Protein backbone atom coordinates (compact mmCIF):
# COMPACT_ATOMS: atom_id res chain seq x y z
CA MET A 1 47.70 122.68 102.59
CA SER A 2 51.03 121.93 104.26
CA ALA A 3 52.27 123.50 107.46
CA ILE A 4 54.35 125.93 105.42
CA GLY A 5 51.47 127.04 103.24
CA ILE A 6 52.14 124.98 100.09
CA PRO A 7 49.06 123.25 98.59
CA VAL A 8 49.59 119.48 98.37
CA LYS A 9 47.54 116.44 97.45
CA GLY A 10 47.88 112.98 98.93
CA HIS A 11 48.01 111.58 102.44
CA LEU A 12 50.34 112.43 105.32
CA ALA A 13 50.30 109.64 107.89
CA ARG A 14 50.95 110.36 111.59
CA SER A 15 51.64 108.03 114.50
CA SER A 16 53.68 107.59 117.63
CA ALA A 17 53.64 103.79 117.54
CA GLY A 18 54.89 102.72 114.10
CA MET A 19 54.49 103.25 110.37
CA VAL A 20 54.84 101.63 106.97
CA THR A 21 55.02 103.02 103.45
CA SER A 22 55.07 101.43 99.99
CA PRO A 23 53.85 102.15 96.45
CA HIS A 24 50.77 99.89 96.81
CA ALA A 25 48.07 100.18 99.46
CA LEU A 26 47.64 96.41 99.82
CA ALA A 27 51.36 96.02 100.50
CA SER A 28 51.35 98.81 103.07
CA GLN A 29 48.36 97.17 104.77
CA ALA A 30 50.20 93.83 104.86
CA GLY A 31 53.05 95.48 106.72
CA LEU A 32 50.70 97.24 109.09
CA GLU A 33 49.06 93.93 109.98
CA VAL A 34 52.44 92.59 111.04
CA LEU A 35 53.08 95.62 113.26
CA ARG A 36 49.62 95.28 114.80
CA ALA A 37 50.35 91.61 115.56
CA GLY A 38 53.43 92.66 117.55
CA GLY A 39 55.91 92.20 114.75
CA ASN A 40 58.94 94.41 114.27
CA ALA A 41 60.02 96.64 111.38
CA ILE A 42 62.01 93.90 109.62
CA GLU A 43 59.12 91.45 109.76
CA ALA A 44 56.76 94.13 108.44
CA ALA A 45 59.14 95.01 105.62
CA ILE A 46 59.39 91.37 104.51
CA ALA A 47 55.59 91.14 104.35
CA ILE A 48 55.46 94.37 102.33
CA GLY A 49 58.18 93.23 99.94
CA ALA A 50 56.56 89.84 99.37
CA THR A 51 53.19 91.48 98.70
CA LEU A 52 54.72 93.95 96.25
CA ALA A 53 56.22 91.00 94.37
CA VAL A 54 52.59 90.13 93.59
CA THR A 55 50.80 93.48 93.35
CA TYR A 56 53.52 95.48 91.55
CA PRO A 57 54.88 92.82 89.16
CA HIS A 58 56.10 95.34 86.58
CA PHE A 59 58.63 96.86 89.01
CA THR A 60 59.60 94.08 91.44
CA GLY A 61 59.40 90.36 92.03
CA LEU A 62 61.10 87.22 93.29
CA GLY A 63 63.34 87.23 90.23
CA GLY A 64 65.11 90.48 91.13
CA ASP A 65 67.48 92.17 93.59
CA ALA A 66 66.98 94.09 96.84
CA PHE A 67 68.78 96.38 99.27
CA TRP A 68 68.17 97.06 102.95
CA ILE A 69 69.31 99.58 105.54
CA ILE A 70 68.39 98.41 109.03
CA GLY A 71 68.54 100.61 112.13
CA ASP A 72 67.90 99.41 115.66
CA GLY A 73 66.80 102.82 116.90
CA ALA A 74 69.77 103.12 119.25
CA GLY A 75 72.61 103.84 116.83
CA ALA A 76 73.45 100.48 115.22
CA VAL A 77 73.01 100.48 111.44
CA ARG A 78 73.73 97.66 108.98
CA THR A 79 73.08 97.15 105.29
CA LEU A 80 72.11 94.14 103.21
CA SER A 81 73.26 94.27 99.59
CA GLY A 82 71.26 91.73 97.62
CA ILE A 83 72.81 91.57 94.15
CA GLY A 84 72.64 88.44 92.07
CA GLN A 85 76.03 87.60 90.56
CA ALA A 86 76.81 86.92 86.90
CA VAL A 87 76.53 83.31 85.76
CA ALA A 88 79.65 81.15 86.03
CA ASN A 89 79.72 80.61 82.27
CA PRO A 90 78.55 83.77 80.52
CA PRO A 91 78.20 83.64 76.73
CA ALA A 92 80.34 85.70 74.40
CA PHE A 93 78.57 88.75 73.00
CA ASP A 94 79.14 90.37 69.64
CA GLY A 95 78.37 93.92 70.73
CA ALA A 96 76.25 95.10 73.63
CA ILE A 97 74.29 92.75 75.88
CA PRO A 98 70.62 92.71 74.82
CA LEU A 99 68.29 94.70 77.07
CA ARG A 100 65.52 92.08 77.04
CA GLY A 101 65.09 88.38 76.62
CA ALA A 102 66.99 85.36 77.89
CA ALA A 103 70.37 86.83 76.90
CA ALA A 104 69.78 89.61 79.47
CA ALA A 105 68.95 87.06 82.21
CA LEU A 106 72.64 86.72 83.06
CA THR A 107 72.56 87.23 86.81
CA THR A 108 70.94 85.41 89.69
CA ALA A 109 68.34 87.11 91.88
CA ALA A 110 69.03 88.02 95.51
CA THR A 111 65.77 89.55 96.78
CA VAL A 112 64.63 86.36 98.53
CA ASP A 113 68.01 85.93 100.20
CA THR A 114 67.83 89.49 101.60
CA TRP A 115 64.52 88.53 103.21
CA ASP A 116 66.24 85.51 104.75
CA ARG A 117 69.20 87.57 106.03
CA ALA A 118 66.90 90.27 107.40
CA TYR A 119 64.70 87.67 109.11
CA ALA A 120 67.78 86.21 110.82
CA ILE A 121 68.67 89.68 112.13
CA SER A 122 65.10 90.08 113.38
CA ARG A 123 65.21 86.72 115.13
CA ASP A 124 68.71 86.91 116.60
CA ALA A 125 69.10 90.62 117.40
CA TRP A 126 65.54 91.87 117.79
CA ALA A 127 63.83 88.82 119.34
CA GLY A 128 61.41 88.65 116.43
CA THR A 129 58.11 86.89 117.14
CA GLN A 130 56.51 86.36 113.73
CA ASP A 131 56.66 83.00 111.95
CA TRP A 132 58.42 83.15 108.58
CA SER A 133 55.44 81.59 106.80
CA ALA A 134 53.00 84.13 108.26
CA LEU A 135 54.85 86.97 106.55
CA PHE A 136 53.82 85.57 103.16
CA ARG A 137 50.13 85.11 103.92
CA ARG A 138 48.90 88.26 102.19
CA ALA A 139 51.20 87.82 99.19
CA ILE A 140 49.98 84.27 98.63
CA THR A 141 46.34 85.32 99.04
CA TYR A 142 46.65 88.10 96.45
CA ALA A 143 48.46 85.83 94.03
CA GLU A 144 45.81 83.09 94.42
CA ASP A 145 42.63 85.15 94.66
CA GLY A 146 43.75 88.21 92.73
CA PHE A 147 43.89 91.96 93.22
CA ALA A 148 42.77 94.99 91.25
CA VAL A 149 45.19 95.98 88.48
CA THR A 150 46.77 99.37 89.22
CA PRO A 151 47.03 102.26 86.76
CA SER A 152 50.82 101.83 86.90
CA GLN A 153 50.72 98.16 85.91
CA HIS A 154 48.25 98.85 83.10
CA PHE A 155 50.30 101.80 81.79
CA TRP A 156 53.58 99.88 81.61
CA GLN A 157 52.00 96.80 80.07
CA THR A 158 50.23 98.92 77.47
CA PHE A 159 53.38 100.90 76.80
CA ARG A 160 55.31 97.67 76.08
CA ALA A 161 52.47 96.03 74.11
CA ALA A 162 54.47 95.85 70.88
CA GLU A 163 57.37 94.07 72.61
CA LEU A 164 55.81 91.72 75.12
CA GLN A 165 54.35 89.33 72.54
CA ASP A 166 57.88 88.03 71.94
CA TRP A 167 58.79 87.54 75.61
CA PRO A 168 58.93 83.83 76.62
CA GLY A 169 55.97 82.86 78.77
CA PHE A 170 54.96 86.46 79.45
CA ALA A 171 51.54 86.41 77.82
CA ARG A 172 50.56 83.22 79.67
CA ALA A 173 51.07 84.90 83.04
CA PHE A 174 50.18 88.53 82.39
CA MET A 175 47.56 88.32 79.62
CA PRO A 176 45.34 85.54 81.00
CA HIS A 177 42.47 86.29 78.59
CA GLY A 178 44.67 87.03 75.62
CA ARG A 179 44.69 90.76 76.34
CA ILE A 180 46.14 93.33 78.72
CA PRO A 181 43.96 93.48 81.86
CA GLU A 182 42.18 96.77 82.48
CA VAL A 183 42.66 99.05 85.48
CA GLY A 184 40.64 97.63 88.37
CA GLU A 185 40.25 94.20 86.77
CA ARG A 186 41.00 91.28 89.10
CA PHE A 187 44.35 89.76 88.21
CA ARG A 188 45.49 86.34 89.50
CA GLN A 189 48.90 84.64 89.43
CA PRO A 190 48.33 81.02 90.55
CA ALA A 191 51.80 79.81 89.50
CA LEU A 192 53.45 82.58 91.51
CA ALA A 193 51.22 81.69 94.47
CA ARG A 194 52.61 78.15 94.41
CA SER A 195 56.20 79.43 94.33
CA LEU A 196 55.53 81.76 97.25
CA GLN A 197 53.92 78.90 99.15
CA ARG A 198 57.06 76.78 98.75
CA ILE A 199 59.24 79.63 100.04
CA ALA A 200 56.86 80.14 102.96
CA GLU A 201 56.88 76.43 103.85
CA HIS A 202 60.50 75.48 103.13
CA GLY A 203 62.38 78.72 103.74
CA ALA A 204 64.27 81.15 101.53
CA ARG A 205 66.91 78.67 100.38
CA GLU A 206 64.14 76.76 98.58
CA PHE A 207 64.49 79.48 95.96
CA TYR A 208 68.21 78.73 95.57
CA GLU A 209 68.75 75.06 96.41
CA GLY A 210 65.37 73.31 96.58
CA GLU A 211 62.83 71.89 94.18
CA LEU A 212 61.75 75.42 93.27
CA ALA A 213 65.34 76.31 92.35
CA ALA A 214 65.49 73.33 90.00
CA ARG A 215 62.29 74.44 88.27
CA ILE A 216 63.52 78.05 88.03
CA ALA A 217 66.79 76.95 86.42
CA ALA A 218 65.02 74.55 84.05
CA GLY A 219 62.57 77.26 82.98
CA LEU A 220 65.28 79.81 82.35
CA ARG A 221 67.40 77.26 80.50
CA ALA A 222 64.46 76.39 78.24
CA ALA A 223 64.08 80.09 77.42
CA GLY A 224 67.77 80.35 76.49
CA SER A 225 69.32 81.81 79.64
CA PRO A 226 72.78 80.50 80.68
CA LEU A 227 71.81 80.53 84.38
CA THR A 228 72.13 77.17 86.17
CA GLU A 229 71.16 75.56 89.47
CA ALA A 230 74.76 75.99 90.62
CA ASP A 231 74.55 79.71 89.93
CA LEU A 232 71.41 79.95 92.06
CA ALA A 233 72.98 77.96 94.90
CA ALA A 234 75.97 80.34 94.97
CA THR A 235 73.78 83.42 95.50
CA ARG A 236 74.29 85.25 98.80
CA ALA A 237 73.30 88.74 99.93
CA ARG A 238 76.06 90.69 101.69
CA ASP A 239 75.79 92.04 105.24
CA GLU A 240 78.01 95.12 105.02
CA THR A 241 78.96 98.22 106.97
CA ALA A 242 77.22 101.31 105.71
CA LEU A 243 78.74 104.29 103.92
CA ARG A 244 78.20 107.63 105.70
CA VAL A 245 78.66 111.30 104.95
CA PRO A 246 77.96 114.30 107.24
CA TYR A 247 75.05 116.55 106.37
CA ARG A 248 73.71 119.50 108.41
CA GLY A 249 74.86 118.11 111.73
CA GLY A 250 73.65 114.59 111.04
CA GLU A 251 74.76 111.68 108.88
CA LEU A 252 73.38 110.28 105.64
CA VAL A 253 73.73 106.51 105.34
CA SER A 254 73.79 104.39 102.19
CA LEU A 255 75.12 101.18 100.65
CA ARG A 256 78.55 100.37 99.27
CA PRO A 257 79.48 99.79 95.60
CA PRO A 258 78.52 98.35 93.25
CA THR A 259 75.44 100.40 94.16
CA GLN A 260 75.31 104.11 93.43
CA GLY A 261 74.71 104.83 97.12
CA ILE A 262 78.07 106.58 97.06
CA THR A 263 76.71 108.88 94.34
CA THR A 264 73.79 110.09 96.45
CA LEU A 265 76.21 110.66 99.34
CA GLN A 266 78.58 112.62 97.09
CA ILE A 267 75.73 114.82 95.85
CA LEU A 268 74.59 115.66 99.36
CA GLY A 269 78.19 116.02 100.52
CA ILE A 270 78.70 118.64 97.81
CA LEU A 271 75.46 120.40 98.76
CA ASP A 272 76.58 120.45 102.41
CA ARG A 273 79.23 122.96 101.28
CA PHE A 274 76.48 125.44 100.33
CA ASN A 275 73.88 127.33 102.36
CA VAL A 276 70.96 125.60 100.67
CA ALA A 277 68.43 126.95 103.17
CA GLY A 278 69.49 130.46 102.16
CA ILE A 279 68.37 129.85 98.57
CA PRO A 280 64.61 130.17 97.91
CA GLU A 281 63.21 126.67 97.56
CA GLY A 282 61.93 125.98 94.06
CA SER A 283 63.87 128.88 92.52
CA ALA A 284 66.10 128.61 89.47
CA ASP A 285 69.13 128.92 91.76
CA TYR A 286 67.88 125.97 93.82
CA TYR A 287 67.45 123.68 90.83
CA HIS A 288 70.72 124.84 89.28
CA LEU A 289 72.72 123.99 92.39
CA LEU A 290 71.21 120.52 92.69
CA VAL A 291 71.66 119.71 89.00
CA GLU A 292 75.30 120.81 88.96
CA ALA A 293 76.10 118.73 92.05
CA ILE A 294 74.44 115.76 90.35
CA LYS A 295 76.52 116.19 87.20
CA LEU A 296 79.75 116.16 89.20
CA ALA A 297 78.81 113.05 91.19
CA PHE A 298 77.57 111.18 88.11
CA ALA A 299 80.89 111.77 86.35
CA GLU A 300 82.69 110.29 89.35
CA ARG A 301 80.30 107.34 89.46
CA ASP A 302 80.69 106.52 85.77
CA HIS A 303 84.45 106.53 86.14
CA HIS A 304 84.73 104.37 89.25
CA VAL A 305 81.71 102.45 90.51
CA ALA A 306 81.69 98.69 89.91
CA ASP A 307 82.02 95.49 91.93
CA PRO A 308 84.92 96.24 94.33
CA GLU A 309 85.91 92.57 94.28
CA PHE A 310 86.85 92.96 90.61
CA SER A 311 88.08 96.55 90.36
CA GLU A 312 89.25 99.15 92.84
CA VAL A 313 86.65 101.71 93.88
CA PRO A 314 88.26 104.60 95.85
CA VAL A 315 85.36 104.95 98.28
CA ASP A 316 87.25 106.79 101.00
CA ALA A 317 88.76 109.24 98.56
CA MET A 318 85.44 109.91 96.83
CA LEU A 319 83.76 110.79 100.15
CA SER A 320 86.73 112.64 101.68
CA PRO A 321 86.20 116.28 102.71
CA ALA A 322 88.98 117.33 100.35
CA ARG A 323 87.32 115.69 97.34
CA LEU A 324 83.90 117.06 98.19
CA ASP A 325 85.42 120.52 98.65
CA ALA A 326 87.10 120.28 95.24
CA LEU A 327 83.92 119.18 93.51
CA ALA A 328 81.83 121.90 95.16
CA ALA A 329 84.35 124.52 94.03
CA ARG A 330 83.63 123.64 90.40
CA ILE A 331 79.99 124.79 90.58
CA ARG A 332 79.45 128.21 89.02
CA PRO A 333 76.28 130.11 89.91
CA GLY A 334 74.12 130.63 86.84
CA HIS A 335 76.37 128.65 84.48
CA ALA A 336 75.47 125.08 83.55
CA MET A 337 78.21 122.52 82.94
CA PRO A 338 77.92 120.37 79.79
CA TRP A 339 76.32 116.97 80.21
CA PRO A 340 77.75 114.25 77.91
CA TYR A 341 77.08 111.16 80.02
CA PRO A 342 74.67 108.35 79.08
CA PHE A 343 71.46 107.79 81.04
CA ARG A 344 70.54 104.47 82.66
CA THR A 345 66.90 103.44 82.89
CA GLY A 346 65.25 101.10 85.39
CA ASP A 347 62.31 100.66 87.72
CA THR A 348 62.05 99.84 91.39
CA VAL A 349 59.81 99.93 94.49
CA TYR A 350 60.61 101.64 97.79
CA LEU A 351 59.22 100.42 101.10
CA ALA A 352 59.95 101.24 104.72
CA ALA A 353 58.77 100.36 108.20
CA VAL A 354 59.20 101.71 111.74
CA ASP A 355 58.05 99.76 114.79
CA ARG A 356 57.05 100.70 118.35
CA ALA A 357 60.66 100.47 119.54
CA GLY A 358 61.89 102.90 116.90
CA ARG A 359 63.64 100.15 114.96
CA CYS A 360 63.40 100.62 111.22
CA ALA A 361 64.06 99.25 107.75
CA SER A 362 64.56 101.22 104.53
CA VAL A 363 64.32 98.94 101.47
CA LEU A 364 64.41 98.95 97.67
CA GLN A 365 63.45 96.00 95.44
CA THR A 366 63.81 95.83 91.66
CA ILE A 367 63.65 93.80 88.46
CA TYR A 368 65.65 96.56 86.66
CA PHE A 369 63.61 97.62 83.58
CA ASP A 370 59.84 97.59 83.83
CA TRP A 371 58.94 93.88 83.40
CA GLY A 372 62.63 92.94 83.77
CA SER A 373 63.96 90.65 81.04
CA GLY A 374 60.41 89.75 80.05
CA VAL A 375 61.29 86.08 80.60
CA LEU A 376 59.13 83.91 82.84
CA ALA A 377 61.03 81.11 84.59
CA GLY A 378 59.08 78.11 83.31
CA ASP A 379 55.98 77.21 85.32
CA THR A 380 57.02 79.13 88.45
CA GLY A 381 55.22 82.40 87.68
CA ILE A 382 58.52 84.21 88.43
CA LEU A 383 59.54 87.00 86.07
CA TRP A 384 63.33 87.26 85.87
CA HIS A 385 65.19 90.54 85.92
CA ASN A 386 67.53 91.85 83.21
CA ARG A 387 70.24 93.29 85.46
CA GLY A 388 72.82 91.46 83.35
CA ALA A 389 72.24 94.13 80.71
CA ALA A 390 73.93 96.62 83.05
CA PHE A 391 77.30 95.00 82.33
CA SER A 392 79.64 96.25 79.64
CA THR A 393 81.20 94.02 76.98
CA ASP A 394 84.22 96.33 76.69
CA ALA A 395 87.15 94.38 78.18
CA GLN A 396 88.70 97.62 79.45
CA HIS A 397 85.55 98.85 81.23
CA HIS A 398 85.43 98.62 85.03
CA ASN A 399 81.91 97.16 84.79
CA VAL A 400 82.79 94.53 82.19
CA LEU A 401 80.96 91.19 82.39
CA ARG A 402 82.91 88.53 84.28
CA PRO A 403 81.87 85.17 85.84
CA GLY A 404 80.54 85.66 89.37
CA LYS A 405 80.76 89.46 89.19
CA ARG A 406 78.01 91.71 90.54
CA PRO A 407 76.78 94.39 88.11
CA PHE A 408 76.64 98.12 88.80
CA HIS A 409 73.35 98.85 90.57
CA THR A 410 71.32 102.05 90.62
CA LEU A 411 69.45 101.15 93.81
CA ASN A 412 70.28 103.05 96.98
CA PRO A 413 67.76 103.33 99.81
CA GLY A 414 68.83 105.68 102.57
CA MET A 415 68.62 106.70 106.18
CA TYR A 416 69.44 109.98 107.93
CA LEU A 417 70.74 109.91 111.50
CA GLU A 418 70.92 112.63 114.16
CA HIS A 419 72.88 111.82 117.33
CA ASP A 420 73.07 108.22 116.03
CA ARG A 421 69.28 107.91 115.94
CA PRO A 422 67.33 107.31 112.71
CA ARG A 423 65.40 110.44 111.77
CA LEU A 424 64.56 109.89 108.09
CA LEU A 425 63.95 106.81 105.96
CA TYR A 426 63.81 107.41 102.22
CA GLY A 427 64.23 105.90 98.77
CA THR A 428 62.77 106.05 95.29
CA GLN A 429 62.13 104.28 92.03
CA GLY A 430 63.94 105.66 88.99
CA ALA A 431 67.44 104.25 88.17
CA ASP A 432 69.61 107.27 87.25
CA GLY A 433 66.80 109.41 88.59
CA GLN A 434 67.21 108.00 92.11
CA PRO A 435 70.05 110.29 93.31
CA GLN A 436 68.37 113.22 91.56
CA THR A 437 65.01 112.65 93.23
CA LEU A 438 66.67 112.07 96.59
CA ALA A 439 68.65 115.32 96.31
CA ALA A 440 65.40 117.24 95.92
CA VAL A 441 63.50 115.29 98.58
CA LEU A 442 66.29 115.41 101.18
CA THR A 443 67.04 119.11 100.83
CA ARG A 444 63.33 119.81 101.23
CA LEU A 445 63.07 117.56 104.28
CA ILE A 446 66.29 118.67 105.99
CA ASP A 447 67.19 122.16 104.76
CA TYR A 448 63.65 123.52 104.40
CA GLY A 449 61.99 121.50 107.15
CA MET A 450 59.08 120.26 105.05
CA ASP A 451 56.90 117.38 106.15
CA PRO A 452 57.24 114.20 104.04
CA LEU A 453 54.12 114.75 101.94
CA THR A 454 55.03 118.33 101.06
CA ALA A 455 58.62 117.36 100.24
CA LEU A 456 57.43 114.53 97.99
CA SER A 457 54.81 116.67 96.25
CA ARG A 458 57.02 119.59 95.18
CA PRO A 459 58.18 119.88 91.53
CA ARG A 460 61.15 117.70 90.58
CA PHE A 461 63.44 117.18 87.63
CA LEU A 462 65.24 114.47 85.70
CA LEU A 463 68.54 115.06 83.94
CA GLY A 464 68.98 112.77 80.94
CA ARG A 465 67.01 110.70 78.48
CA THR A 466 63.65 109.07 79.09
CA PHE A 467 61.58 106.49 77.21
CA SER A 468 59.70 109.37 75.53
CA ASP A 469 62.53 111.90 75.02
CA SER A 470 65.98 110.82 73.81
CA ARG A 471 67.63 114.19 74.45
CA ASP A 472 70.05 114.50 77.37
CA SER A 473 68.12 117.53 78.55
CA LEU A 474 66.88 118.69 81.94
CA LYS A 475 63.28 117.53 82.31
CA LEU A 476 61.48 119.82 84.76
CA GLU A 477 57.91 119.46 85.95
CA ALA A 478 55.64 122.19 84.64
CA ASP A 479 54.56 123.38 88.08
CA ALA A 480 58.11 124.64 88.66
CA GLY A 481 56.92 127.64 86.64
CA GLU A 482 57.79 129.29 83.37
CA ALA A 483 59.97 131.95 85.01
CA VAL A 484 62.16 129.29 86.62
CA MET A 485 62.52 127.44 83.32
CA GLN A 486 63.48 130.60 81.48
CA ALA A 487 66.10 131.47 84.09
CA LEU A 488 67.60 127.97 83.92
CA ALA A 489 67.67 128.11 80.12
CA ALA A 490 69.43 131.47 80.27
CA GLY A 491 72.11 129.81 82.41
CA GLY A 492 72.80 127.15 79.80
CA HIS A 493 70.47 124.32 80.82
CA GLU A 494 68.60 122.63 77.97
CA ILE A 495 65.08 122.53 79.41
CA SER A 496 62.37 120.04 78.43
CA PRO A 497 59.15 120.69 80.37
CA ILE A 498 57.23 117.60 81.51
CA ALA A 499 53.77 117.41 83.04
CA ALA A 500 53.29 118.38 86.66
CA GLN A 501 53.37 115.34 88.98
CA SER A 502 54.91 113.28 86.19
CA PRO A 503 55.81 109.60 86.84
CA LEU A 504 59.16 110.40 85.20
CA ALA A 505 60.08 112.27 88.40
CA GLY A 506 60.24 109.07 90.43
CA HIS A 507 58.03 107.47 93.11
CA PRO A 508 59.81 108.13 96.42
CA GLY A 509 58.59 107.40 99.90
CA ALA A 510 59.73 108.97 103.15
CA ILE A 511 59.20 108.54 106.89
CA ARG A 512 60.31 111.11 109.47
CA ILE A 513 60.95 110.06 113.08
CA ASP A 514 61.16 113.09 115.35
CA ALA A 515 63.09 113.16 118.62
CA ASP A 516 59.84 113.15 120.62
CA GLY A 517 58.74 109.90 118.95
CA THR A 518 56.28 111.47 116.51
CA ILE A 519 56.33 109.65 113.16
CA THR A 520 55.09 111.19 109.90
CA GLY A 521 55.27 109.60 106.48
CA ALA A 522 54.00 109.60 102.93
CA HIS A 523 54.41 107.94 99.58
CA ASP A 524 54.68 110.03 96.45
CA PRO A 525 51.31 111.27 95.19
CA ARG A 526 52.57 110.40 91.69
CA SER A 527 52.37 106.69 92.68
CA ASP A 528 49.67 104.23 93.76
CA GLY A 529 51.16 104.07 97.24
CA ILE A 530 50.42 105.16 100.77
CA ALA A 531 52.00 105.45 104.20
CA ILE A 532 49.93 104.13 107.11
CA GLY A 533 50.50 104.79 110.79
CA LEU A 534 49.92 102.24 113.54
């Protein structure tokens, strides 16, 4: 039972000395070990991210992208945007870019470079004490010796069983006995362990310019990908100033385009024009307001957001008070706007860490779709992402494929500041569902004052298509209640009930840092994850 009387399941972690959260217990424990050894939040987050690349291979890995928001606890915030760029010589496509296979492996992978950039910040600005190689110890151990297969990994491998037989090298790495491993079965990845060992010993640029890079490029080339060693060597994460928008006396912080961080900020900026706390939480009016704000921001996103180095993105105008006022004025109580926009899929992991000094990192890692492109990079054990499929082949589209261009990205971890101090760290898996999930989680954390576990446990929704329902309807978890669904339907929403605590509703994590130093955190009870306090 939560402090406000709502029954919840799961674990609410408490501490005054530090905390980690991630969607896998072994990864969270790896981060906690770093904090216990005197490491800082960045060092802990690298250890968590590396471990997740092993223990959550269906949602993240070395062959994907990553995004960081880093706060020093005293007001300084910076972001790392780790997006692999399109290959220098992309092929011509007759129609859309394939969603799977080597033809979708069109972009490099920047996760490892974000670890390198973050580690440099830890060393130079935070006087970090942990050796680079030590941060990979747990990841290498779990890749070598194995770990118990999670329900999530088993579900997504079983769900894709009809497809994965055709994915180059996939069966060799993920079906070691010629079958899908069962939940709880020990699963080993010796080739991945060797790749991690090289990164640990030779540094992050080994992935981009060393012997490992050569083997990655050769493996991808053999599978049919156009990616080359030169493409890998040109990969660099960006250290950028954060985007901010006011909310309830504080500031929400996110990443710049081509991420949809601006979309989450627009949604909350619209909601800031309403007295959300005056609306009963979980009511039809509550869900209606959030969904309508989401529709407005998604329309703006689909019209503008792309790589700003290739097309103009009017960031300042989109987040201006005048624009947010105008969008908010279009919301009509009890009347749903039509929803004609396509849905983007994708899967991700969220992780976060806070250290004894109040310094923190809020991070998302991804390989785009579950299992990415399905292509294993030769003998490296590295599964490559399919983010290239996010490009358009329409020459007039702002997100059209171009050499060296970064694709539109759904990932957007966040941070909430009060008086320039980090108060909330948050993020979620779920592609188009990310801003939707965050709208629900953040209003519950900020407007209704819920603790992280309660906020993460409450019923959520997903506007758009899913792998099991192709209608662009409003999917609402059953525990929202029949009366709420009927009221939303009467207002024009096409409702599709989904199971309570459905994985379709995302797997967010959240950490709250109160002004007195108390830290509370949780990972979504719909996931395999956990928050652990120091």
